[in-house]
Amino acid sequence: MKDADAERQKLVTALGRVARGDRSALREVYDMTSAKLFGVCLRISADREAAEDILQDVYVKVWKRADRFDSGRSSPITWLCAIARNAAIDWSRASRRTDATGRAALPEAAAGQIADDALPADELIEQDQLQARMAFCLDQLEHRQRESIRAAFLDGLTYVELAERMAVPLGTMKSWIRRGMQRLKECIGDA
């Protein structure tokens, strides 16, 4: 667990330096995260060459947006994965809009007939409030439960991987997560 905390802090520090315009810090962030973020890009795009291009775009966005990262709201890898995921989804959407020759698949006049699939403003507000409530409730958990749940649900680690990472028996890890999820359910249900 200490290694994971140290790596997280190292990444938080590097992102802070990137926010101040330190190019060598961007290299550090790249070295620490490029394999994972490339995997995210590749999984979504299903195209190795496109994933490489998307990954480059991700780090351009990180360079421009590093000042927006808040370590109190999310882990740095979660924030970076969200940027990679969104960039890959944007690429996927854009690539579907063109045919094999790169021309628009539909005439421009057809754009007015395409429904807007964005959430209505009231649903966006409700979603933001739920996320804020979730963050508050997560912060109320014991440290080990909070970190276990975040790693399991945000980083995609299995119970076995978490137990190994935290050097605890598998049954203990399952109990921590189960009790933490029960407390989360109670906290969120109170709202």
C-alpha atoms as a PDB file:
ATOM      1  CA  MET A   1       0.000   0.000   0.000  1.00  0.00           C
ATOM      2  CA  LYS A   2       2.860   2.376   0.798  1.00  0.00           C
ATOM      3  CA  ASP A   3       4.290   1.862  -2.693  1.00  0.00           C
ATOM      4  CA  ALA A   4       0.927   2.692  -4.248  1.00  0.00           C
ATOM      5  CA  ASP A   5       0.584   5.799  -2.057  1.00  0.00           C
ATOM      6  CA  ALA A   6       4.126   6.873  -2.929  1.00  0.00           C
ATOM      7  CA  GLU A   7       3.473   6.404  -6.659  1.00  0.00           C
ATOM      8  CA  ARG A   8       0.213   8.320  -6.384  1.00  0.00           C
ATOM      9  CA  GLN A   9       1.936  11.187  -4.573  1.00  0.00           C
ATOM     10  CA  LYS A  10       4.743  11.208  -7.132  1.00  0.00           C
ATOM     11  CA  LEU A  11       2.151  11.491  -9.915  1.00  0.00           C
ATOM     12  CA  VAL A  12       0.233  14.238  -8.054  1.00  0.00           C
ATOM     13  CA  THR A  13       3.470  16.180  -7.619  1.00  0.00           C
ATOM     14  CA  ALA A  14       4.422  15.742 -11.274  1.00  0.00           C
ATOM     15  CA  LEU A  15       0.979  16.932 -12.411  1.00  0.00           C
ATOM     16  CA  GLY A  16       1.391  20.000 -10.197  1.00  0.00           C
ATOM     17  CA  ARG A  17       4.695  20.747 -11.910  1.00  0.00           C
ATOM     18  CA  VAL A  18       3.072  20.227 -15.332  1.00  0.00           C
ATOM     19  CA  ALA A  19       0.436  22.778 -14.327  1.00  0.00           C
ATOM     20  CA  ARG A  20       3.283  25.247 -13.719  1.00  0.00           C
ATOM     21  CA  GLY A  21       4.679  24.601 -17.223  1.00  0.00           C
ATOM     22  CA  ASP A  22       7.472  22.136 -16.361  1.00  0.00           C
ATOM     23  CA  ARG A  23       8.103  20.083 -19.523  1.00  0.00           C
ATOM     24  CA  SER A  24      10.276  17.526 -17.735  1.00  0.00           C
ATOM     25  CA  ALA A  25       7.349  16.833 -15.392  1.00  0.00           C
ATOM     26  CA  LEU A  26       5.185  16.014 -18.412  1.00  0.00           C
ATOM     27  CA  ARG A  27       7.838  13.446 -19.400  1.00  0.00           C
ATOM     28  CA  GLU A  28       7.608  11.966 -15.882  1.00  0.00           C
ATOM     29  CA  VAL A  29       3.809  11.782 -16.116  1.00  0.00           C
ATOM     30  CA  TYR A  30       4.158  10.136 -19.524  1.00  0.00           C
ATOM     31  CA  ASP A  31       6.691   7.588 -18.248  1.00  0.00           C
ATOM     32  CA  MET A  32       4.483   6.708 -15.266  1.00  0.00           C
ATOM     33  CA  THR A  33       1.177   6.462 -17.134  1.00  0.00           C
ATOM     34  CA  SER A  34       1.589   5.939 -20.876  1.00  0.00           C
ATOM     35  CA  ALA A  35       1.244   2.136 -20.791  1.00  0.00           C
ATOM     36  CA  LYS A  36      -2.051   2.277 -18.898  1.00  0.00           C
ATOM     37  CA  LEU A  37      -3.456   5.166 -20.935  1.00  0.00           C
ATOM     38  CA  PHE A  38      -2.401   3.514 -24.198  1.00  0.00           C
ATOM     39  CA  GLY A  39      -4.366   0.460 -23.079  1.00  0.00           C
ATOM     40  CA  VAL A  40      -7.454   2.607 -22.501  1.00  0.00           C
ATOM     41  CA  CYS A  41      -7.085   4.223 -25.938  1.00  0.00           C
ATOM     42  CA  LEU A  42      -6.490   0.896 -27.655  1.00  0.00           C
ATOM     43  CA  ARG A  43      -9.409  -0.829 -25.940  1.00  0.00           C
ATOM     44  CA  ILE A  44     -11.831   1.875 -27.063  1.00  0.00           C
ATOM     45  CA  SER A  45     -10.463   2.562 -30.544  1.00  0.00           C
ATOM     46  CA  ALA A  46      -9.540  -1.067 -31.361  1.00  0.00           C
ATOM     47  CA  ASP A  47      -6.890   0.398 -33.694  1.00  0.00           C
ATOM     48  CA  ARG A  48      -3.228   0.462 -32.603  1.00  0.00           C
ATOM     49  CA  GLU A  49      -2.224   3.333 -34.897  1.00  0.00           C
ATOM     50  CA  ALA A  50      -5.237   5.386 -33.864  1.00  0.00           C
ATOM     51  CA  ALA A  51      -4.527   4.624 -30.192  1.00  0.00           C
ATOM     52  CA  GLU A  52      -1.018   6.051 -30.607  1.00  0.00           C
ATOM     53  CA  ASP A  53      -2.451   9.237 -32.125  1.00  0.00           C
ATOM     54  CA  ILE A  54      -5.101   9.466 -29.423  1.00  0.00           C
ATOM     55  CA  LEU A  55      -2.458   9.002 -26.725  1.00  0.00           C
ATOM     56  CA  GLN A  56      -0.472  11.908 -28.129  1.00  0.00           C
ATOM     57  CA  ASP A  57      -3.612  14.032 -28.012  1.00  0.00           C
ATOM     58  CA  VAL A  58      -4.179  12.926 -24.403  1.00  0.00           C
ATOM     59  CA  TYR A  59      -0.828  14.301 -23.294  1.00  0.00           C
ATOM     60  CA  VAL A  60      -1.437  17.557 -25.156  1.00  0.00           C
ATOM     61  CA  LYS A  61      -4.672  17.857 -23.169  1.00  0.00           C
ATOM     62  CA  VAL A  62      -2.843  16.992 -19.940  1.00  0.00           C
ATOM     63  CA  TRP A  63      -0.329  19.749 -20.695  1.00  0.00           C
ATOM     64  CA  LYS A  64      -3.139  22.259 -21.229  1.00  0.00           C
ATOM     65  CA  ARG A  65      -5.401  21.088 -18.384  1.00  0.00           C
ATOM     66  CA  ALA A  66      -3.040  20.001 -15.601  1.00  0.00           C
ATOM     67  CA  ASP A  67      -4.049  23.043 -13.571  1.00  0.00           C
ATOM     68  CA  ARG A  68      -7.591  21.629 -13.403  1.00  0.00           C
ATOM     69  CA  PHE A  69      -6.506  18.425 -11.619  1.00  0.00           C
ATOM     70  CA  ASP A  70      -7.679  18.312  -7.993  1.00  0.00           C
ATOM     71  CA  SER A  71      -6.174  15.486  -5.959  1.00  0.00           C
ATOM     72  CA  GLY A  72      -8.969  15.931  -3.429  1.00  0.00           C
ATOM     73  CA  ARG A  73     -11.607  14.937  -5.964  1.00  0.00           C
ATOM     74  CA  SER A  74      -9.984  11.980  -7.714  1.00  0.00           C
ATOM     75  CA  SER A  75      -6.812   9.999  -7.999  1.00  0.00           C
ATOM     76  CA  PRO A  76      -4.418  11.212 -10.672  1.00  0.00           C
ATOM     77  CA  ILE A  77      -4.662   7.990 -12.669  1.00  0.00           C
ATOM     78  CA  THR A  78      -8.464   8.175 -12.601  1.00  0.00           C
ATOM     79  CA  TRP A  79      -8.306  11.756 -13.900  1.00  0.00           C
ATOM     80  CA  LEU A  80      -5.843  10.778 -16.632  1.00  0.00           C
ATOM     81  CA  CYS A  81      -7.876   7.704 -17.606  1.00  0.00           C
ATOM     82  CA  ALA A  82     -10.969   9.898 -17.946  1.00  0.00           C
ATOM     83  CA  ILE A  83      -9.093  12.188 -20.352  1.00  0.00           C
ATOM     84  CA  ALA A  84      -7.864   9.176 -22.349  1.00  0.00           C
ATOM     85  CA  ARG A  85     -11.301   7.583 -22.371  1.00  0.00           C
ATOM     86  CA  ASN A  86     -12.988  10.773 -23.550  1.00  0.00           C
ATOM     87  CA  ALA A  87     -10.351  11.379 -26.235  1.00  0.00           C
ATOM     88  CA  ALA A  88     -10.757   7.818 -27.528  1.00  0.00           C
ATOM     89  CA  ILE A  89     -14.546   8.114 -27.526  1.00  0.00           C
ATOM     90  CA  ASP A  90     -14.304  11.430 -29.384  1.00  0.00           C
ATOM     91  CA  TRP A  91     -12.024   9.771 -31.958  1.00  0.00           C
ATOM     92  CA  SER A  92     -14.455   6.850 -32.309  1.00  0.00           C
ATOM     93  CA  ARG A  93     -17.368   9.167 -32.867  1.00  0.00           C
ATOM     94  CA  ALA A  94     -15.451  11.268 -35.373  1.00  0.00           C
ATOM     95  CA  SER A  95     -14.249   8.234 -37.300  1.00  0.00           C
ATOM     96  CA  ARG A  96     -17.809   6.922 -37.606  1.00  0.00           C
ATOM     97  CA  ARG A  97     -18.904  10.179 -39.185  1.00  0.00           C
ATOM     98  CA  THR A  98     -16.728   9.648 -42.218  1.00  0.00           C
ATOM     99  CA  ASP A  99     -16.703   6.997 -44.897  1.00  0.00           C
ATOM    100  CA  ALA A 100     -13.643   5.137 -46.187  1.00  0.00           C
ATOM    101  CA  THR A 101     -12.582   8.144 -48.274  1.00  0.00           C
ATOM    102  CA  GLY A 102     -12.846  10.537 -45.338  1.00  0.00           C
ATOM    103  CA  ARG A 103     -15.968  12.305 -46.626  1.00  0.00           C
ATOM    104  CA  ALA A 104     -18.901  13.024 -44.361  1.00  0.00           C
ATOM    105  CA  ALA A 105     -21.217  10.039 -44.194  1.00  0.00           C
ATOM    106  CA  LEU A 106     -24.351  12.221 -44.182  1.00  0.00           C
ATOM    107  CA  PRO A 107     -25.044  15.473 -45.966  1.00  0.00           C
ATOM    108  CA  GLU A 108     -24.775  18.551 -43.794  1.00  0.00           C
ATOM    109  CA  ALA A 109     -28.495  19.283 -44.225  1.00  0.00           C
ATOM    110  CA  ALA A 110     -29.272  16.064 -42.355  1.00  0.00           C
ATOM    111  CA  ALA A 111     -27.620  17.421 -39.198  1.00  0.00           C
ATOM    112  CA  GLY A 112     -30.798  19.243 -38.134  1.00  0.00           C
ATOM    113  CA  GLN A 113     -32.677  15.953 -37.997  1.00  0.00           C
ATOM    114  CA  ILE A 114     -30.191  14.229 -35.692  1.00  0.00           C
ATOM    115  CA  ALA A 115     -31.334  14.106 -32.103  1.00  0.00           C
ATOM    116  CA  ASP A 116     -29.135  15.605 -29.393  1.00  0.00           C
ATOM    117  CA  ASP A 117     -28.229  12.718 -27.112  1.00  0.00           C
ATOM    118  CA  ALA A 118     -26.729  14.963 -24.418  1.00  0.00           C
ATOM    119  CA  LEU A 119     -28.380  14.834 -21.026  1.00  0.00           C
ATOM    120  CA  PRO A 120     -30.840  17.622 -20.236  1.00  0.00           C
ATOM    121  CA  ALA A 121     -29.507  20.306 -17.864  1.00  0.00           C
ATOM    122  CA  ASP A 122     -31.577  19.107 -14.891  1.00  0.00           C
ATOM    123  CA  GLU A 123     -30.191  15.582 -15.267  1.00  0.00           C
ATOM    124  CA  LEU A 124     -26.646  16.948 -15.508  1.00  0.00           C
ATOM    125  CA  ILE A 125     -27.174  18.880 -12.284  1.00  0.00           C
ATOM    126  CA  GLU A 126     -28.608  15.801 -10.598  1.00  0.00           C
ATOM    127  CA  GLN A 127     -25.652  13.742 -11.837  1.00  0.00           C
ATOM    128  CA  ASP A 128     -23.194  16.329 -10.468  1.00  0.00           C
ATOM    129  CA  GLN A 129     -24.980  16.329  -7.111  1.00  0.00           C
ATOM    130  CA  LEU A 130     -24.850  12.540  -6.974  1.00  0.00           C
ATOM    131  CA  GLN A 131     -21.131  12.572  -7.768  1.00  0.00           C
ATOM    132  CA  ALA A 132     -20.524  15.144  -5.046  1.00  0.00           C
ATOM    133  CA  ARG A 133     -22.548  13.042  -2.601  1.00  0.00           C
ATOM    134  CA  MET A 134     -20.579   9.946  -3.605  1.00  0.00           C
ATOM    135  CA  ALA A 135     -17.272  11.783  -3.049  1.00  0.00           C
ATOM    136  CA  PHE A 136     -18.499  12.973   0.371  1.00  0.00           C
ATOM    137  CA  CYS A 137     -19.628   9.474   1.349  1.00  0.00           C
ATOM    138  CA  LEU A 138     -16.375   7.912   0.155  1.00  0.00           C
ATOM    139  CA  ASP A 139     -14.470  10.391   2.326  1.00  0.00           C
ATOM    140  CA  GLN A 140     -16.455   9.193   5.355  1.00  0.00           C
ATOM    141  CA  LEU A 141     -15.120   5.639   5.017  1.00  0.00           C
ATOM    142  CA  GLU A 142     -12.049   4.287   6.756  1.00  0.00           C
ATOM    143  CA  HIS A 143      -8.916   4.826   4.702  1.00  0.00           C
ATOM    144  CA  ARG A 144      -8.434   1.154   3.813  1.00  0.00           C
ATOM    145  CA  GLN A 145     -12.089   0.715   2.777  1.00  0.00           C
ATOM    146  CA  ARG A 146     -12.044   3.933   0.743  1.00  0.00           C
ATOM    147  CA  GLU A 147      -8.825   3.043  -1.079  1.00  0.00           C
ATOM    148  CA  SER A 148      -9.963  -0.546  -1.689  1.00  0.00           C
ATOM    149  CA  ILE A 149     -13.280   0.557  -3.170  1.00  0.00           C
ATOM    150  CA  ARG A 150     -11.641   3.223  -5.340  1.00  0.00           C
ATOM    151  CA  ALA A 151      -9.048   0.756  -6.622  1.00  0.00           C
ATOM    152  CA  ALA A 152     -11.682  -1.904  -7.296  1.00  0.00           C
ATOM    153  CA  PHE A 153     -14.271   0.259  -9.004  1.00  0.00           C
ATOM    154  CA  LEU A 154     -12.250   3.099 -10.522  1.00  0.00           C
ATOM    155  CA  ASP A 155      -8.984   1.347 -11.369  1.00  0.00           C
ATOM    156  CA  GLY A 156     -10.575  -2.031 -12.132  1.00  0.00           C
ATOM    157  CA  LEU A 157      -8.489  -4.136  -9.753  1.00  0.00           C
ATOM    158  CA  THR A 158      -9.802  -7.528  -8.633  1.00  0.00           C
ATOM    159  CA  TYR A 159     -10.162  -8.655  -5.019  1.00  0.00           C
ATOM    160  CA  VAL A 160      -7.101 -10.865  -5.467  1.00  0.00           C
ATOM    161  CA  GLU A 161      -5.011  -7.994  -6.876  1.00  0.00           C
ATOM    162  CA  LEU A 162      -6.122  -5.713  -4.058  1.00  0.00           C
ATOM    163  CA  ALA A 163      -5.378  -8.317  -1.381  1.00  0.00           C
ATOM    164  CA  GLU A 164      -1.897  -8.814  -2.826  1.00  0.00           C
ATOM    165  CA  ARG A 165      -1.286  -5.064  -3.136  1.00  0.00           C
ATOM    166  CA  MET A 166      -2.345  -4.403   0.453  1.00  0.00           C
ATOM    167  CA  ALA A 167      -0.796  -7.628   1.818  1.00  0.00           C
ATOM    168  CA  VAL A 168      -3.982  -8.873   3.480  1.00  0.00           C
ATOM    169  CA  PRO A 169      -5.901 -12.143   3.164  1.00  0.00           C
ATOM    170  CA  LEU A 170      -8.481 -12.304   0.372  1.00  0.00           C
ATOM    171  CA  GLY A 171     -11.336 -12.719   2.880  1.00  0.00           C
ATOM    172  CA  THR A 172     -10.264  -9.558   4.686  1.00  0.00           C
ATOM    173  CA  MET A 173     -10.236  -7.599   1.439  1.00  0.00           C
ATOM    174  CA  LYS A 174     -13.713  -8.831   0.540  1.00  0.00           C
ATOM    175  CA  SER A 175     -14.957  -7.866   4.013  1.00  0.00           C
ATOM    176  CA  TRP A 176     -13.474  -4.374   3.787  1.00  0.00           C
ATOM    177  CA  ILE A 177     -15.142  -3.768   0.456  1.00  0.00           C
ATOM    178  CA  ARG A 178     -18.463  -5.315   1.488  1.00  0.00           C
ATOM    179  CA  ARG A 179     -18.633  -3.252   4.710  1.00  0.00           C
ATOM    180  CA  GLY A 180     -17.501  -0.134   2.871  1.00  0.00           C
ATOM    181  CA  MET A 181     -20.174  -0.621   0.204  1.00  0.00           C
ATOM    182  CA  GLN A 182     -22.812  -1.057   2.921  1.00  0.00           C
ATOM    183  CA  ARG A 183     -21.720   2.210   4.554  1.00  0.00           C
ATOM    184  CA  LEU A 184     -21.752   3.934   1.162  1.00  0.00           C
ATOM    185  CA  LYS A 185     -25.271   2.688   0.494  1.00  0.00           C
ATOM    186  CA  GLU A 186     -26.431   3.980   3.873  1.00  0.00           C
ATOM    187  CA  CYS A 187     -24.726   7.353   3.373  1.00  0.00           C
ATOM    188  CA  ILE A 188     -26.039   7.868  -0.137  1.00  0.00           C
ATOM    189  CA  GLY A 189     -29.487   6.679   0.929  1.00  0.00           C
ATOM    190  CA  ASP A 190     -29.610   9.411   3.596  1.00  0.00           C
ATOM    191  CA  ALA A 191     -29.485  12.142   0.962  1.00  0.00           C
END
